[in-house]
Amino acid sequence: VRQALDFRTQAVRHYEKALRIGSDNPGFPLIWVEEAKIFMDAGYYEQALYYLEKGAAAFPNRPDVLYSIGVCYFNLRQYNTAIPYFQRVVQAQPSIELWGMLAKAYEETGENYSAIQIYDRALSQYPQSAEIHYNLGVLYHRIGDSDQAVEHLEQALRVAPTGPLAGNIEKMLEIIREDS
């Protein structure tokens, strides 16, 4: 109940802000994006999409809006719908997080080879990313390419030997070596 009240209080605050700005302001559609963030934070992705679509109608190329739409579809497990949004954003503002979301969406659709291609492109921009190497290692293991899996997992360990993924990397290497 308390969470619902906090949610409602935030919504009212944002609504009052929108009224102060006025709908004649060219930036008014951004209020819809702010409303969507409230719903996203609460896990109400379908409701968030309603507001994001309104914002996207006015700002069709805003990376933050496109990314939020992609995240909503991803969380609704509509991965094929999320992919084009992530693709557009990664072209406009590539980041390690965006590459990862795009690759994960492909993984969730079972398109492991497409996910590998995405991670390879990300790796060209972030060659020292233990996370990318780890994810590539897992994917290569999944498709049965143990040599590539080991290569990427070992590289992940070289990059971050004591990082948060180190234990997982060592376990994956152990599994692969036992399977060989």
Protein backbone atom coordinates (compact mmCIF):
# COMPACT_ATOMS: atom_id res chain seq x y z
CA VAL A 1 0.00 0.00 0.00
CA ARG A 2 2.84 2.37 0.88
CA GLN A 3 4.49 1.73 -2.48
CA ALA A 4 1.21 2.50 -4.24
CA LEU A 5 0.93 5.78 -2.34
CA ASP A 6 4.52 6.71 -3.18
CA PHE A 7 3.81 5.85 -6.81
CA ARG A 8 0.68 8.01 -6.83
CA THR A 9 2.49 10.90 -5.14
CA GLN A 10 5.22 10.81 -7.78
CA ALA A 11 2.62 10.69 -10.54
CA VAL A 12 0.74 13.69 -9.14
CA ARG A 13 4.00 15.64 -8.83
CA HIS A 14 4.86 14.93 -12.46
CA TYR A 15 1.35 15.79 -13.59
CA GLU A 16 1.49 19.15 -11.79
CA LYS A 17 4.84 19.83 -13.41
CA ALA A 18 3.31 19.11 -16.81
CA LEU A 19 0.47 21.51 -16.17
CA ARG A 20 2.92 24.24 -15.18
CA ILE A 21 4.90 23.78 -18.36
CA GLY A 22 1.79 23.80 -20.50
CA SER A 23 0.90 21.73 -23.50
CA ASP A 24 1.79 24.56 -25.90
CA ASN A 25 5.45 24.16 -25.03
CA PRO A 26 7.38 22.22 -27.72
CA GLY A 27 8.97 20.14 -24.97
CA PHE A 28 5.63 19.02 -23.56
CA PRO A 29 5.83 15.47 -24.99
CA LEU A 30 8.86 14.91 -22.79
CA ILE A 31 6.44 14.91 -19.86
CA TRP A 32 5.09 11.64 -21.25
CA VAL A 33 8.60 10.23 -21.11
CA GLU A 34 8.90 11.28 -17.47
CA GLU A 35 5.57 9.63 -16.71
CA ALA A 36 6.79 6.47 -18.43
CA LYS A 37 9.85 6.38 -16.17
CA ILE A 38 7.60 6.17 -13.12
CA PHE A 39 5.80 3.17 -14.57
CA MET A 40 9.08 1.55 -15.62
CA ASP A 41 10.54 1.97 -12.13
CA ALA A 42 7.46 0.23 -10.74
CA GLY A 43 7.68 -2.58 -13.31
CA TYR A 44 4.55 -1.56 -15.23
CA TYR A 45 6.04 -1.84 -18.70
CA GLU A 46 2.82 -1.90 -20.71
CA GLN A 47 1.67 1.32 -19.08
CA ALA A 48 5.11 2.84 -19.62
CA LEU A 49 4.90 1.98 -23.31
CA TYR A 50 1.69 3.97 -23.61
CA TYR A 51 3.50 7.14 -22.51
CA LEU A 52 6.72 6.34 -24.35
CA GLU A 53 4.86 5.95 -27.63
CA LYS A 54 3.39 9.43 -27.12
CA GLY A 55 6.87 10.80 -26.48
CA ALA A 56 8.30 8.92 -29.47
CA ALA A 57 5.63 10.39 -31.74
CA ALA A 58 7.02 13.85 -31.00
CA PHE A 59 10.67 12.82 -30.71
CA PRO A 60 11.10 9.78 -32.98
CA ASN A 61 14.90 9.79 -32.86
CA ARG A 62 15.61 10.50 -29.20
CA PRO A 63 17.94 7.72 -28.05
CA ASP A 64 16.69 7.78 -24.44
CA VAL A 65 13.09 7.30 -25.59
CA LEU A 66 14.02 4.53 -28.04
CA TYR A 67 16.12 2.79 -25.39
CA SER A 68 13.29 2.95 -22.86
CA ILE A 69 10.87 1.47 -25.39
CA GLY A 70 13.35 -1.33 -26.08
CA VAL A 71 13.75 -2.00 -22.36
CA CYS A 72 9.98 -2.20 -21.91
CA TYR A 73 9.61 -4.72 -24.72
CA PHE A 74 12.60 -6.67 -23.41
CA ASN A 75 11.06 -6.87 -19.94
CA LEU A 76 7.75 -7.92 -21.49
CA ARG A 77 9.71 -10.73 -23.19
CA GLN A 78 8.90 -9.30 -26.61
CA TYR A 79 12.52 -9.58 -27.68
CA ASN A 80 11.96 -9.38 -31.43
CA THR A 81 10.13 -6.10 -30.91
CA ALA A 82 12.89 -4.76 -28.63
CA ILE A 83 15.72 -5.51 -31.08
CA PRO A 84 15.03 -2.73 -33.63
CA TYR A 85 14.86 -0.14 -30.86
CA PHE A 86 18.19 -1.27 -29.41
CA GLN A 87 19.70 -1.31 -32.91
CA ARG A 88 18.68 2.28 -33.54
CA VAL A 89 20.07 3.44 -30.22
CA VAL A 90 23.35 1.57 -30.53
CA GLN A 91 23.87 3.22 -33.94
CA ALA A 92 23.24 6.67 -32.47
CA GLN A 93 24.98 6.31 -29.10
CA PRO A 94 26.94 3.07 -28.80
CA SER A 95 27.78 2.01 -25.27
CA ILE A 96 28.74 -1.24 -23.64
CA GLU A 97 25.33 -1.42 -21.95
CA LEU A 98 23.47 -0.96 -25.24
CA TRP A 99 25.56 -3.57 -27.05
CA GLY A 100 24.84 -5.93 -24.17
CA MET A 101 21.08 -5.35 -24.26
CA LEU A 102 20.99 -5.89 -28.02
CA ALA A 103 23.02 -9.10 -27.76
CA LYS A 104 20.88 -10.37 -24.85
CA ALA A 105 17.72 -9.76 -26.88
CA TYR A 106 19.17 -11.88 -29.68
CA GLU A 107 20.16 -14.56 -27.15
CA GLU A 108 16.62 -14.63 -25.77
CA THR A 109 15.25 -15.26 -29.27
CA GLY A 110 17.67 -18.16 -29.70
CA GLU A 111 19.73 -16.30 -32.27
CA ASN A 112 23.10 -17.14 -30.72
CA TYR A 113 25.07 -16.41 -33.89
CA SER A 114 23.54 -12.94 -34.15
CA ALA A 115 24.35 -12.35 -30.48
CA ILE A 116 27.95 -13.39 -31.14
CA GLN A 117 28.16 -10.91 -34.02
CA ILE A 118 26.85 -8.15 -31.78
CA TYR A 119 29.34 -8.97 -29.02
CA ASP A 120 32.15 -9.06 -31.60
CA ARG A 121 31.19 -5.57 -32.75
CA ALA A 122 31.09 -4.42 -29.14
CA LEU A 123 34.48 -6.00 -28.53
CA SER A 124 35.97 -3.88 -31.31
CA GLN A 125 35.00 -0.81 -29.25
CA TYR A 126 35.65 -2.29 -25.81
CA PRO A 127 38.48 -4.83 -26.23
CA GLN A 128 39.26 -4.87 -22.51
CA SER A 129 35.74 -5.74 -21.40
CA ALA A 130 35.78 -8.88 -19.27
CA GLU A 131 31.98 -9.00 -19.47
CA ILE A 132 31.95 -9.11 -23.28
CA HIS A 133 34.65 -11.78 -23.35
CA TYR A 134 32.74 -13.77 -20.73
CA ASN A 135 29.46 -13.54 -22.65
CA LEU A 136 31.21 -14.58 -25.85
CA GLY A 137 32.75 -17.52 -24.02
CA VAL A 138 29.34 -18.64 -22.77
CA LEU A 139 27.80 -18.29 -26.23
CA TYR A 140 30.61 -20.16 -27.96
CA HIS A 141 30.24 -22.93 -25.39
CA ARG A 142 26.49 -22.99 -26.04
CA ILE A 143 27.02 -23.50 -29.79
CA GLY A 144 29.71 -26.13 -29.19
CA ASP A 145 32.86 -24.17 -30.11
CA SER A 146 35.02 -25.02 -27.10
CA ASP A 147 38.20 -23.48 -28.51
CA GLN A 148 36.60 -20.05 -28.97
CA ALA A 149 34.84 -20.39 -25.62
CA VAL A 150 38.11 -21.07 -23.80
CA GLU A 151 39.90 -18.28 -25.68
CA HIS A 152 37.34 -15.66 -24.64
CA LEU A 153 36.99 -16.92 -21.08
CA GLU A 154 40.75 -16.91 -20.58
CA GLN A 155 40.93 -13.40 -22.04
CA ALA A 156 38.21 -12.32 -19.60
CA LEU A 157 40.34 -13.65 -16.74
CA ARG A 158 43.44 -11.86 -18.04
CA VAL A 159 41.49 -8.59 -18.22
CA ALA A 160 39.89 -8.93 -14.77
CA PRO A 161 41.53 -11.72 -12.76
CA THR A 162 39.87 -10.65 -9.53
CA GLY A 163 36.75 -8.97 -10.90
CA PRO A 164 33.17 -9.89 -10.05
CA LEU A 165 33.01 -12.41 -12.92
CA ALA A 166 36.23 -14.24 -12.02
CA GLY A 167 34.47 -17.04 -10.13
CA ASN A 168 31.94 -17.60 -12.91
CA ILE A 169 34.68 -17.58 -15.54
CA GLU A 170 36.69 -20.19 -13.66
CA LYS A 171 33.59 -22.40 -13.27
CA MET A 172 32.81 -22.12 -17.00
CA LEU A 173 36.40 -23.04 -17.89
CA GLU A 174 36.19 -26.03 -15.56
CA ILE A 175 32.92 -27.19 -17.17
CA ILE A 176 34.35 -26.85 -20.67
CA ARG A 177 37.52 -28.72 -19.77
CA GLU A 178 35.50 -31.53 -18.16
CA ASP A 179 33.35 -31.80 -21.31
CA SER A 180 36.42 -32.02 -23.56
